[in-house]
Amino acid sequence: MAWVVLVISGLLETVWAAALGASKGFSKLWPSVLFGVALLLSMSGLAYALRAIPLGTGYAIWVGIGAVGTAIYGIVAMHDPLTVGRITCLVLIVAGVVGLKVLH
């Protein structure tokens, strides 16, 4: 169960990161509210998951999911550049996350 919560919390990190950008420095109400709710849920889920998953492993996986998810969101929704270098780096992050899970 802790792993499922950790993955969902990592996905929520993507949500709060995207909402933070959309809030334009907290000047827009609804993106700011979404940021706060997603941040609270993401951190709470991480805290719950870390009861059963070692800190270094759990935090690295949470950050990795959030970083890759946010990068994909940026590419798809915000038209961030898609380059071979970016794809390579994202694949390396995913490989690291998978490696941490496998070696846990």
C-alpha atoms as a PDB file:
ATOM      1  CA  MET A   1       0.000   0.000   0.000  1.00  0.00           C
ATOM      2  CA  ALA A   2       2.855   2.386   0.802  1.00  0.00           C
ATOM      3  CA  TRP A   3       4.188   2.078  -2.753  1.00  0.00           C
ATOM      4  CA  VAL A   4       0.802   2.924  -4.284  1.00  0.00           C
ATOM      5  CA  VAL A   5       0.499   5.970  -2.026  1.00  0.00           C
ATOM      6  CA  LEU A   6       4.047   7.009  -2.936  1.00  0.00           C
ATOM      7  CA  VAL A   7       3.317   6.858  -6.674  1.00  0.00           C
ATOM      8  CA  ILE A   8       0.093   8.836  -6.271  1.00  0.00           C
ATOM      9  CA  SER A   9       1.961  11.381  -4.146  1.00  0.00           C
ATOM     10  CA  GLY A  10       4.601  11.700  -6.861  1.00  0.00           C
ATOM     11  CA  LEU A  11       1.891  12.317  -9.443  1.00  0.00           C
ATOM     12  CA  LEU A  12       0.395  14.953  -7.155  1.00  0.00           C
ATOM     13  CA  GLU A  13       3.810  16.623  -7.127  1.00  0.00           C
ATOM     14  CA  THR A  14       3.362  17.090 -10.859  1.00  0.00           C
ATOM     15  CA  VAL A  15      -0.059  18.635 -10.217  1.00  0.00           C
ATOM     16  CA  TRP A  16       1.196  21.125  -7.653  1.00  0.00           C
ATOM     17  CA  ALA A  17       4.193  22.072  -9.797  1.00  0.00           C
ATOM     18  CA  ALA A  18       1.949  22.751 -12.783  1.00  0.00           C
ATOM     19  CA  ALA A  19      -0.514  24.678 -10.613  1.00  0.00           C
ATOM     20  CA  LEU A  20       2.331  26.734  -9.176  1.00  0.00           C
ATOM     21  CA  GLY A  21       3.315  27.827 -12.664  1.00  0.00           C
ATOM     22  CA  ALA A  22      -0.294  28.565 -13.578  1.00  0.00           C
ATOM     23  CA  SER A  23      -0.807  30.623 -10.421  1.00  0.00           C
ATOM     24  CA  LYS A  24       1.538  33.303 -11.794  1.00  0.00           C
ATOM     25  CA  GLY A  25       3.171  33.933  -8.432  1.00  0.00           C
ATOM     26  CA  PHE A  26      -0.019  33.172  -6.489  1.00  0.00           C
ATOM     27  CA  SER A  27      -1.846  35.990  -8.270  1.00  0.00           C
ATOM     28  CA  LYS A  28      -4.536  33.656  -9.674  1.00  0.00           C
ATOM     29  CA  LEU A  29      -6.949  32.176  -7.142  1.00  0.00           C
ATOM     30  CA  TRP A  30      -7.892  28.738  -8.475  1.00  0.00           C
ATOM     31  CA  PRO A  31      -4.441  27.604  -9.546  1.00  0.00           C
ATOM     32  CA  SER A  32      -3.191  28.790  -6.130  1.00  0.00           C
ATOM     33  CA  VAL A  33      -5.902  26.770  -4.372  1.00  0.00           C
ATOM     34  CA  LEU A  34      -5.098  23.709  -6.504  1.00  0.00           C
ATOM     35  CA  PHE A  35      -1.417  24.158  -5.645  1.00  0.00           C
ATOM     36  CA  GLY A  36      -2.168  24.186  -1.904  1.00  0.00           C
ATOM     37  CA  VAL A  37      -4.466  21.162  -1.982  1.00  0.00           C
ATOM     38  CA  ALA A  38      -2.173  19.097  -4.208  1.00  0.00           C
ATOM     39  CA  LEU A  39       0.862  20.055  -2.112  1.00  0.00           C
ATOM     40  CA  LEU A  40      -0.867  19.053   1.117  1.00  0.00           C
ATOM     41  CA  LEU A  41      -2.018  15.719  -0.322  1.00  0.00           C
ATOM     42  CA  SER A  42       1.361  15.027  -1.920  1.00  0.00           C
ATOM     43  CA  MET A  43       3.322  15.718   1.254  1.00  0.00           C
ATOM     44  CA  SER A  44       0.852  13.774   3.395  1.00  0.00           C
ATOM     45  CA  GLY A  45       1.120  10.780   1.083  1.00  0.00           C
ATOM     46  CA  LEU A  46       4.899  10.975   1.139  1.00  0.00           C
ATOM     47  CA  ALA A  47       4.884  11.111   4.923  1.00  0.00           C
ATOM     48  CA  TYR A  48       2.585   8.066   5.059  1.00  0.00           C
ATOM     49  CA  ALA A  49       4.689   6.091   2.572  1.00  0.00           C
ATOM     50  CA  LEU A  50       7.896   6.836   4.451  1.00  0.00           C
ATOM     51  CA  ARG A  51       6.577   4.832   7.400  1.00  0.00           C
ATOM     52  CA  ALA A  52       7.263   1.670   5.392  1.00  0.00           C
ATOM     53  CA  ILE A  53       9.778   2.775   2.746  1.00  0.00           C
ATOM     54  CA  PRO A  54      13.303   3.962   3.607  1.00  0.00           C
ATOM     55  CA  LEU A  55      13.672   7.753   3.481  1.00  0.00           C
ATOM     56  CA  GLY A  56      16.298   7.915   0.735  1.00  0.00           C
ATOM     57  CA  THR A  57      14.460   5.489  -1.513  1.00  0.00           C
ATOM     58  CA  GLY A  58      11.006   6.977  -0.964  1.00  0.00           C
ATOM     59  CA  TYR A  59      12.075  10.585  -1.375  1.00  0.00           C
ATOM     60  CA  ALA A  60      14.133   9.878  -4.498  1.00  0.00           C
ATOM     61  CA  ILE A  61      11.252   8.008  -6.122  1.00  0.00           C
ATOM     62  CA  TRP A  62       8.754  10.745  -5.150  1.00  0.00           C
ATOM     63  CA  VAL A  63      10.993  13.441  -6.623  1.00  0.00           C
ATOM     64  CA  GLY A  64      11.709  11.356  -9.719  1.00  0.00           C
ATOM     65  CA  ILE A  65       8.026  10.802 -10.460  1.00  0.00           C
ATOM     66  CA  GLY A  66       7.315  14.485  -9.905  1.00  0.00           C
ATOM     67  CA  ALA A  67      10.257  15.655 -12.010  1.00  0.00           C
ATOM     68  CA  VAL A  68       9.499  13.372 -14.942  1.00  0.00           C
ATOM     69  CA  GLY A  69       5.770  14.079 -14.735  1.00  0.00           C
ATOM     70  CA  THR A  70       6.350  17.825 -14.645  1.00  0.00           C
ATOM     71  CA  ALA A  71       8.764  17.633 -17.571  1.00  0.00           C
ATOM     72  CA  ILE A  72       6.246  15.635 -19.608  1.00  0.00           C
ATOM     73  CA  TYR A  73       3.511  18.125 -18.700  1.00  0.00           C
ATOM     74  CA  GLY A  74       5.773  20.948 -19.822  1.00  0.00           C
ATOM     75  CA  ILE A  75       6.482  19.252 -23.129  1.00  0.00           C
ATOM     76  CA  VAL A  76       2.873  18.305 -23.864  1.00  0.00           C
ATOM     77  CA  ALA A  77       0.884  21.219 -22.453  1.00  0.00           C
ATOM     78  CA  MET A  78       3.360  24.096 -22.335  1.00  0.00           C
ATOM     79  CA  HIS A  79       5.235  23.268 -25.547  1.00  0.00           C
ATOM     80  CA  ASP A  80       8.617  23.044 -23.834  1.00  0.00           C
ATOM     81  CA  PRO A  81      11.280  21.886 -26.279  1.00  0.00           C
ATOM     82  CA  LEU A  82      11.538  18.149 -26.895  1.00  0.00           C
ATOM     83  CA  THR A  83      15.137  17.220 -27.599  1.00  0.00           C
ATOM     84  CA  VAL A  84      17.144  14.040 -27.612  1.00  0.00           C
ATOM     85  CA  GLY A  85      19.092  15.316 -24.620  1.00  0.00           C
ATOM     86  CA  ARG A  86      15.944  15.951 -22.576  1.00  0.00           C
ATOM     87  CA  ILE A  87      14.498  12.557 -23.458  1.00  0.00           C
ATOM     88  CA  THR A  88      17.784  10.881 -22.537  1.00  0.00           C
ATOM     89  CA  CYS A  89      17.859  12.612 -19.159  1.00  0.00           C
ATOM     90  CA  LEU A  90      14.227  11.713 -18.436  1.00  0.00           C
ATOM     91  CA  VAL A  91      14.899   8.078 -19.342  1.00  0.00           C
ATOM     92  CA  LEU A  92      17.870   8.087 -16.958  1.00  0.00           C
ATOM     93  CA  ILE A  93      15.664   9.444 -14.155  1.00  0.00           C
ATOM     94  CA  VAL A  94      13.070   6.735 -14.818  1.00  0.00           C
ATOM     95  CA  ALA A  95      15.828   4.095 -14.849  1.00  0.00           C
ATOM     96  CA  GLY A  96      17.055   5.366 -11.492  1.00  0.00           C
ATOM     97  CA  VAL A  97      13.558   5.272 -10.004  1.00  0.00           C
ATOM     98  CA  VAL A  98      12.968   1.746 -11.282  1.00  0.00           C
ATOM     99  CA  GLY A  99      16.387   0.699 -10.000  1.00  0.00           C
ATOM    100  CA  LEU A 100      15.623   2.039  -6.531  1.00  0.00           C
ATOM    101  CA  LYS A 101      12.343   0.123  -6.450  1.00  0.00           C
ATOM    102  CA  VAL A 102      13.920  -3.106  -7.689  1.00  0.00           C
ATOM    103  CA  LEU A 103      16.806  -2.891  -5.251  1.00  0.00           C
ATOM    104  CA  HIS A 104      14.557  -2.041  -2.277  1.00  0.00           C
END
